PDB file of N, CA and C in Angstrom:
ATOM      1  N   MET A   1       0.839  -1.178   0.000  1.00  0.00           N
ATOM      2  CA  MET A   1       0.000   0.000   0.000  1.00  0.00           C
ATOM      3  C   MET A   1       0.884   1.241   0.000  1.00  0.00           C
ATOM      4  N   GLY A   2       0.508   2.171  -0.842  1.00  0.00           N
ATOM      5  CA  GLY A   2       1.277   3.400  -0.947  1.00  0.00           C
ATOM      6  C   GLY A   2       0.652   4.531  -0.152  1.00  0.00           C
ATOM      7  N   ILE A   3       1.221   5.690  -0.327  1.00  0.00           N
ATOM      8  CA  ILE A   3       0.758   6.873   0.393  1.00  0.00           C
ATOM      9  C   ILE A   3      -0.618   7.321  -0.099  1.00  0.00           C
ATOM     10  N   LYS A   4      -0.961   7.010  -1.364  1.00  0.00           N
ATOM     11  CA  LYS A   4      -2.253   7.413  -1.914  1.00  0.00           C
ATOM     12  C   LYS A   4      -3.424   6.818  -1.137  1.00  0.00           C
ATOM     13  N   ILE A   5      -3.275   5.587  -0.696  1.00  0.00           N
ATOM     14  CA  ILE A   5      -4.377   4.952   0.023  1.00  0.00           C
ATOM     15  C   ILE A   5      -4.566   5.579   1.405  1.00  0.00           C
ATOM     16  N   TYR A   6      -3.466   6.023   2.018  1.00  0.00           N
ATOM     17  CA  TYR A   6      -3.591   6.704   3.313  1.00  0.00           C
ATOM     18  C   TYR A   6      -4.266   8.066   3.156  1.00  0.00           C
ATOM     19  N   TYR A   7      -3.957   8.762   2.066  1.00  0.00           N
ATOM     20  CA  TYR A   7      -4.670  10.009   1.777  1.00  0.00           C
ATOM     21  C   TYR A   7      -6.153   9.736   1.541  1.00  0.00           C
ATOM     22  N   GLY A   8      -6.451   8.663   0.828  1.00  0.00           N
ATOM     23  CA  GLY A   8      -7.842   8.293   0.587  1.00  0.00           C
ATOM     24  C   GLY A   8      -8.581   7.987   1.878  1.00  0.00           C
ATOM     25  N   ILE A   9      -7.938   7.262   2.774  1.00  0.00           N
ATOM     26  CA  ILE A   9      -8.555   6.957   4.066  1.00  0.00           C
ATOM     27  C   ILE A   9      -8.788   8.244   4.851  1.00  0.00           C
ATOM     28  N   ALA A  10      -7.849   9.178   4.785  1.00  0.00           N
ATOM     29  CA  ALA A  10      -8.006  10.450   5.483  1.00  0.00           C
ATOM     30  C   ALA A  10      -9.185  11.246   4.919  1.00  0.00           C
ATOM     31  N   PHE A  11      -9.313  11.311   3.598  1.00  0.00           N
ATOM     32  CA  PHE A  11     -10.421  12.043   2.993  1.00  0.00           C
ATOM     33  C   PHE A  11     -11.763  11.389   3.308  1.00  0.00           C
ATOM     34  N   ILE A  12     -11.817  10.074   3.275  1.00  0.00           N
ATOM     35  CA  ILE A  12     -13.058   9.370   3.612  1.00  0.00           C
ATOM     36  C   ILE A  12     -13.404   9.596   5.083  1.00  0.00           C
ATOM     37  N   SER A  13     -12.421   9.592   5.967  1.00  0.00           N
ATOM     38  CA  SER A  13     -12.661   9.817   7.393  1.00  0.00           C
ATOM     39  C   SER A  13     -13.169  11.230   7.657  1.00  0.00           C
ATOM     40  N   ILE A  14     -12.562  12.211   6.996  1.00  0.00           N
ATOM     41  CA  ILE A  14     -13.016  13.592   7.146  1.00  0.00           C
ATOM     42  C   ILE A  14     -14.449  13.733   6.624  1.00  0.00           C
ATOM     43  N   GLY A  15     -14.732  13.109   5.510  1.00  0.00           N
ATOM     44  CA  GLY A  15     -16.084  13.141   4.969  1.00  0.00           C
ATOM     45  C   GLY A  15     -17.090  12.480   5.896  1.00  0.00           C
ATOM     46  N   LEU A  16     -16.698  11.388   6.519  1.00  0.00           N
ATOM     47  CA  LEU A  16     -17.587  10.705   7.455  1.00  0.00           C
ATOM     48  C   LEU A  16     -17.880  11.576   8.675  1.00  0.00           C
ATOM     49  N   LEU A  17     -16.863  12.240   9.192  1.00  0.00           N
ATOM     50  CA  LEU A  17     -17.083  13.151  10.321  1.00  0.00           C
ATOM     51  C   LEU A  17     -17.977  14.320   9.922  1.00  0.00           C
ATOM     52  N   LEU A  18     -17.749  14.872   8.751  1.00  0.00           N
ATOM     53  CA  LEU A  18     -18.570  15.990   8.296  1.00  0.00           C
ATOM     54  C   LEU A  18     -20.010  15.571   8.025  1.00  0.00           C
ATOM     55  N   TYR A  19     -20.238  14.324   7.689  1.00  0.00           N
ATOM     56  CA  TYR A  19     -21.599  13.842   7.471  1.00  0.00           C
ATOM     57  C   TYR A  19     -22.438  13.999   8.736  1.00  0.00           C
ATOM     58  N   PHE A  20     -21.837  13.739   9.877  1.00  0.00           N
ATOM     59  CA  PHE A  20     -22.571  13.834  11.130  1.00  0.00           C
ATOM     60  C   PHE A  20     -22.543  15.244  11.719  1.00  0.00           C
ATOM     61  N   ILE A  21     -21.527  16.045  11.387  1.00  0.00           N
ATOM     62  CA  ILE A  21     -21.403  17.379  11.959  1.00  0.00           C
ATOM     63  C   ILE A  21     -22.141  18.416  11.114  1.00  0.00           C
ATOM     64  N   ASN A  22     -21.863  18.449   9.817  1.00  0.00           N
ATOM     65  CA  ASN A  22     -22.437  19.468   8.943  1.00  0.00           C
ATOM     66  C   ASN A  22     -22.592  18.878   7.543  1.00  0.00           C
ATOM     67  N   LYS A  23     -23.841  18.592   7.144  1.00  0.00           N
ATOM     68  CA  LYS A  23     -24.059  17.906   5.866  1.00  0.00           C
ATOM     69  C   LYS A  23     -23.709  18.762   4.657  1.00  0.00           C
ATOM     70  N   LYS A  24     -23.782  20.100   4.802  1.00  0.00           N
ATOM     71  CA  LYS A  24     -23.438  20.950   3.662  1.00  0.00           C
ATOM     72  C   LYS A  24     -21.954  20.804   3.327  1.00  0.00           C
ATOM     73  N   PHE A  25     -21.105  20.829   4.323  1.00  0.00           N
ATOM     74  CA  PHE A  25     -19.677  20.656   4.080  1.00  0.00           C
ATOM     75  C   PHE A  25     -19.340  19.224   3.690  1.00  0.00           C
ATOM     76  N   TYR A  26     -20.164  18.269   4.130  1.00  0.00           N
ATOM     77  CA  TYR A  26     -19.958  16.870   3.719  1.00  0.00           C
ATOM     78  C   TYR A  26     -20.079  16.736   2.211  1.00  0.00           C
ATOM     79  N   ASN A  27     -21.067  17.393   1.625  1.00  0.00           N
ATOM     80  CA  ASN A  27     -21.250  17.301   0.173  1.00  0.00           C
ATOM     81  C   ASN A  27     -20.033  17.833  -0.573  1.00  0.00           C
ATOM     82  N   TYR A  28     -19.476  18.936  -0.091  1.00  0.00           N
ATOM     83  CA  TYR A  28     -18.289  19.486  -0.740  1.00  0.00           C
ATOM     84  C   TYR A  28     -17.068  18.578  -0.528  1.00  0.00           C
ATOM     85  N   ALA A  29     -16.949  18.012   0.662  1.00  0.00           N
ATOM     86  CA  ALA A  29     -15.835  17.100   0.935  1.00  0.00           C
ATOM     87  C   ALA A  29     -15.959  15.837   0.081  1.00  0.00           C
ATOM     88  N   PHE A  30     -17.185  15.337  -0.074  1.00  0.00           N
ATOM     89  CA  PHE A  30     -17.401  14.154  -0.906  1.00  0.00           C
ATOM     90  C   PHE A  30     -17.099  14.460  -2.368  1.00  0.00           C
ATOM     91  N   LEU A  31     -17.502  15.636  -2.824  1.00  0.00           N
ATOM     92  CA  LEU A  31     -17.204  16.034  -4.201  1.00  0.00           C
ATOM     93  C   LEU A  31     -15.694  16.153  -4.415  1.00  0.00           C
ATOM     94  N   LEU A  32     -14.979  16.745  -3.453  1.00  0.00           N
ATOM     95  CA  LEU A  32     -13.526  16.848  -3.548  1.00  0.00           C
ATOM     96  C   LEU A  32     -12.879  15.472  -3.565  1.00  0.00           C
ATOM     97  N   THR A  33     -13.387  14.561  -2.740  1.00  0.00           N
ATOM     98  CA  THR A  33     -12.869  13.193  -2.708  1.00  0.00           C
ATOM     99  C   THR A  33     -13.088  12.504  -4.053  1.00  0.00           C
ATOM    100  N   LEU A  34     -14.266  12.693  -4.641  1.00  0.00           N
ATOM    101  CA  LEU A  34     -14.536  12.094  -5.953  1.00  0.00           C
ATOM    102  C   LEU A  34     -13.625  12.672  -7.036  1.00  0.00           C
ATOM    103  N   ILE A  35     -13.416  13.966  -7.017  1.00  0.00           N
ATOM    104  CA  ILE A  35     -12.572  14.589  -8.042  1.00  0.00           C
ATOM    105  C   ILE A  35     -11.129  14.116  -7.903  1.00  0.00           C
ATOM    106  N   LEU A  36     -10.604  14.137  -6.682  1.00  0.00           N
ATOM    107  CA  LEU A  36      -9.224  13.677  -6.478  1.00  0.00           C
ATOM    108  C   LEU A  36      -9.076  12.199  -6.830  1.00  0.00           C
ATOM    109  N   GLY A  37     -10.098  11.414  -6.527  1.00  0.00           N
ATOM    110  CA  GLY A  37     -10.043   9.996  -6.856  1.00  0.00           C
ATOM    111  C   GLY A  37     -10.146   9.732  -8.346  1.00  0.00           C
ATOM    112  N   CYS A  38     -10.987  10.502  -9.045  1.00  0.00           N
ATOM    113  CA  CYS A  38     -11.127  10.301 -10.488  1.00  0.00           C
ATOM    114  C   CYS A  38      -9.835  10.578 -11.229  1.00  0.00           C
ATOM    115  N   PHE A  39      -9.056  11.535 -10.735  1.00  0.00           N
ATOM    116  CA  PHE A  39      -7.781  11.844 -11.373  1.00  0.00           C
ATOM    117  C   PHE A  39      -6.626  11.056 -10.778  1.00  0.00           C
ATOM    118  N   ASN A  40      -6.948  10.009 -10.026  1.00  0.00           N
ATOM    119  CA  ASN A  40      -5.978   9.055  -9.494  1.00  0.00           C
ATOM    120  C   ASN A  40      -4.961   9.708  -8.555  1.00  0.00           C
ATOM    121  N   ILE A  41      -5.393  10.724  -7.811  1.00  0.00           N
ATOM    122  CA  ILE A  41      -4.523  11.358  -6.829  1.00  0.00           C
ATOM    123  C   ILE A  41      -4.614  10.629  -5.494  1.00  0.00           C
ATOM    124  N   ILE A  42      -5.832  10.134  -5.157  1.00  0.00           N
ATOM    125  CA  ILE A  42      -6.012   9.329  -3.952  1.00  0.00           C
ATOM    126  C   ILE A  42      -6.639   7.999  -4.349  1.00  0.00           C
ATOM    127  N   GLU A  43      -6.534   7.012  -3.461  1.00  0.00           N
ATOM    128  CA  GLU A  43      -7.117   5.688  -3.689  1.00  0.00           C
ATOM    129  C   GLU A  43      -7.876   5.261  -2.441  1.00  0.00           C
ATOM    130  N   ILE A  44      -8.908   4.443  -2.626  1.00  0.00           N
ATOM    131  CA  ILE A  44      -9.610   3.873  -1.484  1.00  0.00           C
ATOM    132  C   ILE A  44      -9.666   2.354  -1.562  1.00  0.00           C
ATOM    133  N   PHE A  45      -9.143   1.801  -2.611  1.00  0.00           N
ATOM    134  CA  PHE A  45      -9.192   0.363  -2.835  1.00  0.00           C
ATOM    135  C   PHE A  45      -7.767  -0.127  -3.066  1.00  0.00           C
ATOM    136  N   TYR A  46      -7.451  -1.295  -2.593  1.00  0.00           N
ATOM    137  CA  TYR A  46      -6.069  -1.770  -2.693  1.00  0.00           C
ATOM    138  C   TYR A  46      -5.652  -2.103  -4.122  1.00  0.00           C
ATOM    139  N   LEU A  47      -6.599  -2.312  -5.010  1.00  0.00           N
ATOM    140  CA  LEU A  47      -6.280  -2.496  -6.426  1.00  0.00           C
ATOM    141  C   LEU A  47      -6.507  -1.181  -7.154  1.00  0.00           C
ATOM    142  N   ASN A  48      -5.559  -0.786  -7.958  1.00  0.00           N
ATOM    143  CA  ASN A  48      -5.670   0.455  -8.708  1.00  0.00           C
ATOM    144  C   ASN A  48      -6.024   0.119 -10.150  1.00  0.00           C
ATOM    145  N   ILE A  49      -7.257   0.383 -10.519  1.00  0.00           N
ATOM    146  CA  ILE A  49      -7.720   0.159 -11.886  1.00  0.00           C
ATOM    147  C   ILE A  49      -7.746   1.527 -12.549  1.00  0.00           C
ATOM    148  N   ALA A  50      -6.741   1.807 -13.374  1.00  0.00           N
ATOM    149  CA  ALA A  50      -6.591   3.143 -13.951  1.00  0.00           C
ATOM    150  C   ALA A  50      -6.648   3.072 -15.470  1.00  0.00           C
ATOM    151  N   LEU A  51      -7.183   4.138 -16.038  1.00  0.00           N
ATOM    152  CA  LEU A  51      -7.235   4.317 -17.480  1.00  0.00           C
ATOM    153  C   LEU A  51      -6.298   5.476 -17.805  1.00  0.00           C
ATOM    154  N   ASN A  52      -5.223   5.186 -18.522  1.00  0.00           N
ATOM    155  CA  ASN A  52      -4.227   6.207 -18.842  1.00  0.00           C
ATOM    156  C   ASN A  52      -4.453   6.746 -20.240  1.00  0.00           C
ATOM    157  N   ILE A  53      -4.600   8.063 -20.315  1.00  0.00           N
ATOM    158  CA  ILE A  53      -4.703   8.745 -21.604  1.00  0.00           C
ATOM    159  C   ILE A  53      -3.590   9.776 -21.623  1.00  0.00           C
ATOM    160  N   GLY A  54      -2.501   9.425 -22.246  1.00  0.00           N
ATOM    161  CA  GLY A  54      -1.329  10.292 -22.233  1.00  0.00           C
ATOM    162  C   GLY A  54      -0.778  10.389 -20.816  1.00  0.00           C
ATOM    163  N   PRO A  55      -0.483  11.598 -20.360  1.00  0.00           N
ATOM    164  CA  PRO A  55       0.057  11.743 -18.995  1.00  0.00           C
ATOM    165  C   PRO A  55      -1.018  11.759 -17.919  1.00  0.00           C
ATOM    166  N   ILE A  56      -2.293  11.774 -18.308  1.00  0.00           N
ATOM    167  CA  ILE A  56      -3.396  11.847 -17.344  1.00  0.00           C
ATOM    168  C   ILE A  56      -3.905  10.442 -17.059  1.00  0.00           C
ATOM    169  N   SER A  57      -4.101  10.159 -15.778  1.00  0.00           N
ATOM    170  CA  SER A  57      -4.568   8.842 -15.356  1.00  0.00           C
ATOM    171  C   SER A  57      -5.922   8.990 -14.663  1.00  0.00           C
ATOM    172  N   PHE A  58      -6.916   8.192 -15.079  1.00  0.00           N
ATOM    173  CA  PHE A  58      -8.247   8.216 -14.496  1.00  0.00           C
ATOM    174  C   PHE A  58      -8.495   6.915 -13.750  1.00  0.00           C
ATOM    175  N   ASN A  59      -9.056   7.014 -12.544  1.00  0.00           N
ATOM    176  CA  ASN A  59      -9.362   5.842 -11.742  1.00  0.00           C
ATOM    177  C   ASN A  59     -10.789   5.399 -12.047  1.00  0.00           C
ATOM    178  N   VAL A  60     -10.947   4.210 -12.561  1.00  0.00           N
ATOM    179  CA  VAL A  60     -12.234   3.691 -13.004  1.00  0.00           C
ATOM    180  C   VAL A  60     -13.185   3.478 -11.825  1.00  0.00           C
ATOM    181  N   VAL A  61     -12.664   3.085 -10.664  1.00  0.00           N
ATOM    182  CA  VAL A  61     -13.515   2.847  -9.485  1.00  0.00           C
ATOM    183  C   VAL A  61     -14.186   4.147  -9.050  1.00  0.00           C
ATOM    184  N   PHE A  62     -13.451   5.244  -9.005  1.00  0.00           N
ATOM    185  CA  PHE A  62     -14.028   6.520  -8.606  1.00  0.00           C
ATOM    186  C   PHE A  62     -14.998   7.053  -9.648  1.00  0.00           C
ATOM    187  N   ILE A  63     -14.715   6.826 -10.918  1.00  0.00           N
ATOM    188  CA  ILE A  63     -15.640   7.280 -11.960  1.00  0.00           C
ATOM    189  C   ILE A  63     -16.964   6.530 -11.842  1.00  0.00           C
ATOM    190  N   ALA A  64     -16.905   5.221 -11.596  1.00  0.00           N
ATOM    191  CA  ALA A  64     -18.132   4.443 -11.405  1.00  0.00           C
ATOM    192  C   ALA A  64     -18.880   4.909 -10.153  1.00  0.00           C
ATOM    193  N   LEU A  65     -18.155   5.195  -9.081  1.00  0.00           N
ATOM    194  CA  LEU A  65     -18.770   5.691  -7.856  1.00  0.00           C
ATOM    195  C   LEU A  65     -19.437   7.045  -8.086  1.00  0.00           C
ATOM    196  N   ALA A  66     -18.807   7.919  -8.843  1.00  0.00           N
ATOM    197  CA  ALA A  66     -19.387   9.227  -9.150  1.00  0.00           C
ATOM    198  C   ALA A  66     -20.661   9.082  -9.976  1.00  0.00           C
ATOM    199  N   VAL A  67     -20.642   8.214 -10.973  1.00  0.00           N
ATOM    200  CA  VAL A  67     -21.822   8.012 -11.818  1.00  0.00           C
ATOM    201  C   VAL A  67     -22.979   7.455 -10.990  1.00  0.00           C
ATOM    202  N   ILE A  68     -22.713   6.486 -10.152  1.00  0.00           N
ATOM    203  CA  ILE A  68     -23.757   5.904  -9.307  1.00  0.00           C
ATOM    204  C   ILE A  68     -24.305   6.948  -8.342  1.00  0.00           C
ATOM    205  N   THR A  69     -23.434   7.770  -7.777  1.00  0.00           N
ATOM    206  CA  THR A  69     -23.879   8.821  -6.852  1.00  0.00           C
ATOM    207  C   THR A  69     -24.771   9.829  -7.555  1.00  0.00           C
ATOM    208  N   PHE A  70     -24.402  10.259  -8.743  1.00  0.00           N
ATOM    209  CA  PHE A  70     -25.198  11.245  -9.452  1.00  0.00           C
ATOM    210  C   PHE A  70     -26.539  10.674  -9.909  1.00  0.00           C
ATOM    211  N   ILE A  71     -26.607   9.382 -10.177  1.00  0.00           N
ATOM    212  CA  ILE A  71     -27.871   8.761 -10.569  1.00  0.00           C
ATOM    213  C   ILE A  71     -28.797   8.612  -9.373  1.00  0.00           C
ATOM    214  N   VAL A  72     -28.261   8.187  -8.240  1.00  0.00           N
ATOM    215  CA  VAL A  72     -29.075   7.844  -7.081  1.00  0.00           C
ATOM    216  C   VAL A  72     -29.424   9.054  -6.221  1.00  0.00           C
ATOM    217  N   ASP A  73     -28.487   9.970  -5.999  1.00  0.00           N
ATOM    218  CA  ASP A  73     -28.659  11.041  -5.018  1.00  0.00           C
ATOM    219  C   ASP A  73     -29.131  12.330  -5.673  1.00  0.00           C
ATOM    220  N   ASP A  74     -30.435  12.581  -5.625  1.00  0.00           N
ATOM    221  CA  ASP A  74     -31.019  13.771  -6.221  1.00  0.00           C
ATOM    222  C   ASP A  74     -30.670  15.030  -5.419  1.00  0.00           C
ATOM    223  N   ASP A  75     -30.535  14.920  -4.096  1.00  0.00           N
ATOM    224  CA  ASP A  75     -30.179  16.079  -3.269  1.00  0.00           C
ATOM    225  C   ASP A  75     -28.787  16.596  -3.622  1.00  0.00           C
ATOM    226  N   PHE A  76     -27.875  15.693  -3.910  1.00  0.00           N
ATOM    227  CA  PHE A  76     -26.513  16.089  -4.277  1.00  0.00           C
ATOM    228  C   PHE A  76     -26.526  16.863  -5.594  1.00  0.00           C
ATOM    229  N   LEU A  77     -27.352  16.434  -6.535  1.00  0.00           N
ATOM    230  CA  LEU A  77     -27.456  17.147  -7.806  1.00  0.00           C
ATOM    231  C   LEU A  77     -28.088  18.517  -7.614  1.00  0.00           C
ATOM    232  N   GLN A  78     -29.062  18.626  -6.699  1.00  0.00           N
ATOM    233  CA  GLN A  78     -29.676  19.922  -6.428  1.00  0.00           C
ATOM    234  C   GLN A  78     -28.674  20.893  -5.821  1.00  0.00           C
ATOM    235  N   LEU A  79     -27.737  20.391  -5.039  1.00  0.00           N
ATOM    236  CA  LEU A  79     -26.700  21.243  -4.468  1.00  0.00           C
ATOM    237  C   LEU A  79     -25.755  21.746  -5.564  1.00  0.00           C
ATOM    238  N   LEU A  80     -25.402  20.872  -6.484  1.00  0.00           N
ATOM    239  CA  LEU A  80     -24.473  21.271  -7.549  1.00  0.00           C
ATOM    240  C   LEU A  80     -25.139  22.167  -8.593  1.00  0.00           C
ATOM    241  N   PHE A  81     -26.367  21.820  -8.967  1.00  0.00           N
ATOM    242  CA  PHE A  81     -27.086  22.552 -10.011  1.00  0.00           C
ATOM    243  C   PHE A  81     -28.455  22.991  -9.477  1.00  0.00           C
ATOM    244  N   PRO A  82     -28.507  24.069  -8.708  1.00  0.00           N
ATOM    245  CA  PRO A  82     -29.803  24.489  -8.141  1.00  0.00           C
ATOM    246  C   PRO A  82     -30.745  24.997  -9.236  1.00  0.00           C
ATOM    247  N   LYS A  83     -32.037  24.712  -9.045  1.00  0.00           N
ATOM    248  CA  LYS A  83     -33.051  25.173  -9.980  1.00  0.00           C
ATOM    249  C   LYS A  83     -33.449  26.607  -9.622  1.00  0.00           C
ATOM    250  N   GLU A  84     -33.713  27.390 -10.648  1.00  0.00           N
ATOM    251  CA  GLU A  84     -34.118  28.765 -10.412  1.00  0.00           C
ATOM    252  C   GLU A  84     -35.590  28.801 -10.042  1.00  0.00           C
ATOM    253  N   ASN A  85     -35.926  29.632  -9.067  1.00  0.00           N
ATOM    254  CA  ASN A  85     -37.322  29.820  -8.660  1.00  0.00           C
ATOM    255  C   ASN A  85     -37.968  30.869  -9.554  1.00  0.00           C
ATOM    256  N   LYS A  86     -39.137  30.541 -10.078  1.00  0.00           N
ATOM    257  CA  LYS A  86     -39.844  31.501 -10.960  1.00  0.00           C
ATOM    258  C   LYS A  86     -41.020  32.092 -10.242  1.00  0.00           C
TER     259      LYS A  86
END
């Protein structure tokens, strides 16, 4: 296990604490965790399944997690893209 997995554990732990303390900041922490994970900066799984396109590396596990989150969690989408009141 490398340093990336320890960073991933730290981000997940911070997100878990924020979930119980302040849900608004939890959403931002979760979004940051997803972004860092998608670009293969942090890891949460001991196997690294990455898609390399030139010098940029994408983590397939985080991309799948992001897609599932955006499909299932409507509140998270409302936070990112609020609807205008008419």
